[in-house]
C-alpha atoms as a PDB file:
ATOM      1  CA  UNK A   1      10.104  11.109  -8.665  1.00  0.00           C
ATOM      2  CA  UNK A   2       7.176  12.090 -11.030  1.00  0.00           C
ATOM      3  CA  UNK A   3       5.162   9.149  -9.926  1.00  0.00           C
ATOM      4  CA  UNK A   4       5.880   9.907  -6.259  1.00  0.00           C
ATOM      5  CA  UNK A   5       4.252  13.369  -6.621  1.00  0.00           C
ATOM      6  CA  UNK A   6       1.351  12.083  -8.581  1.00  0.00           C
ATOM      7  CA  UNK A   7       0.765   9.420  -5.877  1.00  0.00           C
ATOM      8  CA  UNK A   8       1.259  11.931  -2.979  1.00  0.00           C
ATOM      9  CA  UNK A   9      -1.297  14.304  -4.734  1.00  0.00           C
ATOM     10  CA  UNK A  10      -3.761  11.400  -5.163  1.00  0.00           C
ATOM     11  CA  UNK A  11      -3.607  10.719  -1.480  1.00  0.00           C
ATOM     12  CA  UNK A  12      -4.181  14.252  -0.496  1.00  0.00           C
ATOM     13  CA  UNK A  13      -6.940  14.847  -2.986  1.00  0.00           C
ATOM     14  CA  UNK A  14      -8.813  11.509  -2.626  1.00  0.00           C
ATOM     15  CA  UNK A  15     -10.066  11.841   0.957  1.00  0.00           C
ATOM     16  CA  UNK A  16     -12.200  15.009  -0.190  1.00  0.00           C
ATOM     17  CA  UNK A  17     -14.175  12.761  -2.396  1.00  0.00           C
ATOM     18  CA  UNK A  18     -16.631  10.202  -1.198  1.00  0.00           C
ATOM     19  CA  UNK A  19     -15.323   7.268  -3.292  1.00  0.00           C
ATOM     20  CA  UNK A  20     -14.612   3.828  -1.989  1.00  0.00           C
ATOM     21  CA  UNK A  21     -11.016   2.654  -1.976  1.00  0.00           C
ATOM     22  CA  UNK A  22      -9.696   0.717  -4.898  1.00  0.00           C
ATOM     23  CA  UNK A  23      -8.636  -2.816  -4.500  1.00  0.00           C
ATOM     24  CA  UNK A  24     -10.174  -3.113  -1.025  1.00  0.00           C
ATOM     25  CA  UNK A  25      -9.523  -6.503   0.485  1.00  0.00           C
ATOM     26  CA  UNK A  26     -12.834  -8.116   2.066  1.00  0.00           C
ATOM     27  CA  UNK A  27     -11.616 -11.266   3.703  1.00  0.00           C
ATOM     28  CA  UNK A  28      -7.802 -11.623   4.033  1.00  0.00           C
ATOM     29  CA  UNK A  29      -6.173  -8.121   4.484  1.00  0.00           C
ATOM     30  CA  UNK A  30      -6.286  -8.183   8.281  1.00  0.00           C
ATOM     31  CA  UNK A  31      -4.494 -11.419   8.414  1.00  0.00           C
ATOM     32  CA  UNK A  32      -1.583 -10.307   6.116  1.00  0.00           C
ATOM     33  CA  UNK A  33       1.868  -9.697   7.698  1.00  0.00           C
ATOM     34  CA  UNK A  34       3.371  -6.382   7.235  1.00  0.00           C
ATOM     35  CA  UNK A  35       5.652  -7.531   4.190  1.00  0.00           C
ATOM     36  CA  UNK A  36       2.497  -9.070   2.583  1.00  0.00           C
ATOM     37  CA  UNK A  37       0.408  -5.726   3.225  1.00  0.00           C
ATOM     38  CA  UNK A  38       3.323  -3.672   1.603  1.00  0.00           C
ATOM     39  CA  UNK A  39       3.518  -5.864  -1.367  1.00  0.00           C
ATOM     40  CA  UNK A  40      -0.155  -5.873  -1.885  1.00  0.00           C
ATOM     41  CA  UNK A  41      -0.413  -2.158  -1.516  1.00  0.00           C
ATOM     42  CA  UNK A  42       2.382  -1.700  -4.014  1.00  0.00           C
ATOM     43  CA  UNK A  43       0.690  -3.971  -6.496  1.00  0.00           C
ATOM     44  CA  UNK A  44      -2.741  -2.246  -6.195  1.00  0.00           C
ATOM     45  CA  UNK A  45      -1.222   1.208  -6.618  1.00  0.00           C
ATOM     46  CA  UNK A  46       0.506  -0.063  -9.726  1.00  0.00           C
ATOM     47  CA  UNK A  47      -2.718  -1.619 -10.906  1.00  0.00           C
ATOM     48  CA  UNK A  48      -4.711   1.689 -10.381  1.00  0.00           C
ATOM     49  CA  UNK A  49      -2.227   3.812 -12.358  1.00  0.00           C
ATOM     50  CA  UNK A  50      -1.628   1.375 -15.177  1.00  0.00           C
ATOM     51  CA  UNK A  51      -4.243  -1.465 -15.794  1.00  0.00           C
ATOM     52  CA  UNK A  52      -7.311   0.425 -14.388  1.00  0.00           C
ATOM     53  CA  UNK A  53      -6.598   3.536 -16.477  1.00  0.00           C
ATOM     54  CA  UNK A  54      -6.341   1.212 -19.501  1.00  0.00           C
ATOM     55  CA  UNK A  55      -9.624  -0.461 -18.695  1.00  0.00           C
ATOM     56  CA  UNK A  56     -11.345   2.827 -18.306  1.00  0.00           C
ATOM     57  CA  UNK A  57      -9.888   4.053 -21.678  1.00  0.00           C
ATOM     58  CA  UNK A  58     -10.854   0.691 -23.371  1.00  0.00           C
ATOM     59  CA  UNK A  59     -14.371   1.126 -22.220  1.00  0.00           C
ATOM     60  CA  UNK A  60     -14.633   4.828 -22.906  1.00  0.00           C
ATOM     61  CA  UNK A  61     -15.122   6.004 -19.249  1.00  0.00           C
ATOM     62  CA  UNK A  62     -13.366   9.475 -19.118  1.00  0.00           C
ATOM     63  CA  UNK A  63     -14.187   9.809 -15.446  1.00  0.00           C
ATOM     64  CA  UNK A  64     -16.338   8.664 -12.643  1.00  0.00           C
ATOM     65  CA  UNK A  65     -18.916  11.016 -11.446  1.00  0.00           C
ATOM     66  CA  UNK A  66     -22.442  10.896  -9.953  1.00  0.00           C
ATOM     67  CA  UNK A  67     -24.100  12.227 -13.054  1.00  0.00           C
ATOM     68  CA  UNK A  68     -23.045   9.904 -15.869  1.00  0.00           C
ATOM     69  CA  UNK A  69     -21.025   6.974 -14.419  1.00  0.00           C
ATOM     70  CA  UNK A  70     -20.770   6.267 -10.676  1.00  0.00           C
ATOM     71  CA  UNK A  71     -19.071   2.850 -10.645  1.00  0.00           C
ATOM     72  CA  UNK A  72     -16.600   0.748 -12.512  1.00  0.00           C
ATOM     73  CA  UNK A  73     -15.262  -2.234 -10.460  1.00  0.00           C
ATOM     74  CA  UNK A  74     -15.009  -5.934 -10.254  1.00  0.00           C
ATOM     75  CA  UNK A  75     -14.873  -8.252  -7.292  1.00  0.00           C
ATOM     76  CA  UNK A  76     -12.255 -10.907  -7.983  1.00  0.00           C
ATOM     77  CA  UNK A  77     -11.360 -14.214  -6.178  1.00  0.00           C
ATOM     78  CA  UNK A  78      -7.698 -14.510  -6.104  1.00  0.00           C
ATOM     79  CA  UNK A  79      -5.515 -17.604  -5.200  1.00  0.00           C
ATOM     80  CA  UNK A  80      -1.908 -17.362  -4.928  1.00  0.00           C
ATOM     81  CA  UNK A  81       0.271 -20.500  -4.710  1.00  0.00           C
ATOM     82  CA  UNK A  82       3.239 -21.426  -2.524  1.00  0.00           C
ATOM     83  CA  UNK A  83       5.710 -20.087  -5.351  1.00  0.00           C
ATOM     84  CA  UNK A  84       3.927 -16.607  -5.052  1.00  0.00           C
ATOM     85  CA  UNK A  85       2.329 -16.994  -8.503  1.00  0.00           C
ATOM     86  CA  UNK A  86      -1.463 -16.261  -9.161  1.00  0.00           C
ATOM     87  CA  UNK A  87      -2.823 -19.756  -9.426  1.00  0.00           C
ATOM     88  CA  UNK A  88      -6.458 -18.686 -10.019  1.00  0.00           C
ATOM     89  CA  UNK A  89      -8.256 -15.503 -10.640  1.00  0.00           C
ATOM     90  CA  UNK A  90     -12.017 -15.730 -11.009  1.00  0.00           C
ATOM     91  CA  UNK A  91     -14.299 -12.627 -11.822  1.00  0.00           C
ATOM     92  CA  UNK A  92     -17.193 -12.674  -9.257  1.00  0.00           C
ATOM     93  CA  UNK A  93     -19.279  -9.729  -9.874  1.00  0.00           C
ATOM     94  CA  UNK A  94     -18.728  -6.091 -10.974  1.00  0.00           C
ATOM     95  CA  UNK A  95     -20.585  -2.926 -12.256  1.00  0.00           C
ATOM     96  CA  UNK A  96     -20.017  -0.425 -14.969  1.00  0.00           C
ATOM     97  CA  UNK A  97     -21.822   2.738 -14.811  1.00  0.00           C
ATOM     98  CA  UNK A  98     -24.403   1.285 -12.175  1.00  0.00           C
ATOM     99  CA  UNK A  99     -25.227  -1.730 -14.282  1.00  0.00           C
ATOM    100  CA  UNK A 100     -23.979  -5.337 -13.552  1.00  0.00           C
ATOM    101  CA  UNK A 101     -21.097  -6.394 -15.769  1.00  0.00           C
ATOM    102  CA  UNK A 102     -22.510  -9.258 -17.911  1.00  0.00           C
ATOM    103  CA  UNK A 103     -19.991  -8.738 -20.857  1.00  0.00           C
ATOM    104  CA  UNK A 104     -17.606 -11.834 -20.822  1.00  0.00           C
ATOM    105  CA  UNK A 105     -14.988  -9.891 -22.668  1.00  0.00           C
ATOM    106  CA  UNK A 106     -14.880  -7.120 -19.970  1.00  0.00           C
ATOM    107  CA  UNK A 107     -14.693  -9.737 -17.134  1.00  0.00           C
ATOM    108  CA  UNK A 108     -11.869 -11.307 -18.993  1.00  0.00           C
ATOM    109  CA  UNK A 109     -10.055  -7.948 -19.328  1.00  0.00           C
ATOM    110  CA  UNK A 110     -10.233  -7.604 -15.516  1.00  0.00           C
ATOM    111  CA  UNK A 111      -8.933 -11.131 -14.946  1.00  0.00           C
ATOM    112  CA  UNK A 112      -6.190 -10.822 -17.477  1.00  0.00           C
ATOM    113  CA  UNK A 113      -5.004  -7.436 -15.942  1.00  0.00           C
ATOM    114  CA  UNK A 114      -4.234  -9.332 -12.726  1.00  0.00           C
ATOM    115  CA  UNK A 115      -3.299 -12.870 -13.853  1.00  0.00           C
ATOM    116  CA  UNK A 116       0.507 -12.387 -14.748  1.00  0.00           C
ATOM    117  CA  UNK A 117       1.792 -11.112 -11.388  1.00  0.00           C
ATOM    118  CA  UNK A 118       4.203 -12.862  -9.090  1.00  0.00           C
ATOM    119  CA  UNK A 119       4.607 -12.153  -5.492  1.00  0.00           C
ATOM    120  CA  UNK A 120       7.743 -12.489  -3.207  1.00  0.00           C
ATOM    121  CA  UNK A 121       5.911 -12.282   0.401  1.00  0.00           C
ATOM    122  CA  UNK A 122       2.333 -13.243  -0.500  1.00  0.00           C
ATOM    123  CA  UNK A 123       2.101 -17.013  -0.610  1.00  0.00           C
ATOM    124  CA  UNK A 124      -0.659 -19.636  -0.046  1.00  0.00           C
ATOM    125  CA  UNK A 125      -3.498 -17.052   0.014  1.00  0.00           C
ATOM    126  CA  UNK A 126      -6.938 -16.970  -1.004  1.00  0.00           C
ATOM    127  CA  UNK A 127      -9.038 -13.821  -0.875  1.00  0.00           C
ATOM    128  CA  UNK A 128     -11.512 -11.739  -2.522  1.00  0.00           C
ATOM    129  CA  UNK A 129     -10.503  -8.149  -3.600  1.00  0.00           C
ATOM    130  CA  UNK A 130     -12.385  -5.275  -5.238  1.00  0.00           C
ATOM    131  CA  UNK A 131     -10.700  -3.616  -8.191  1.00  0.00           C
ATOM    132  CA  UNK A 132     -11.917  -0.372  -9.368  1.00  0.00           C
ATOM    133  CA  UNK A 133     -14.040   2.391  -7.956  1.00  0.00           C
ATOM    134  CA  UNK A 134     -17.557   2.992  -6.779  1.00  0.00           C
ATOM    135  CA  UNK A 135     -18.874   6.449  -5.828  1.00  0.00           C
ATOM    136  CA  UNK A 136     -21.187   7.139  -3.037  1.00  0.00           C
ATOM    137  CA  UNK A 137     -23.819   9.221  -4.798  1.00  0.00           C
END
């Protein structure tokens, strides 16, 4: 129940900030069926609260703001096989505090944070997703 209230607060407070959505799908989202969209939304919400928080902590980013650090995100190519397992995850590009991510360790951290997930509804899909946030400063 605690996580429900945190999530609800996040939904209410976030529209007041000019921040892009986390895990926004660029190519495939409109073609997802309702069960696929629901499963992806649940995955991205969990990723935001667990994996993304850990990535920010590991990289000493306390919070995103326009003064110090306006972006921390990665665009990832994801391929899901017919069993619902992630067959391929590839870091395409990303930014940390406005600078392109060129650190292979950090790009591997993004890939590993996504790699072990299995889906029930999402099968035989290939798409590009953005994981993280970028403020509109």
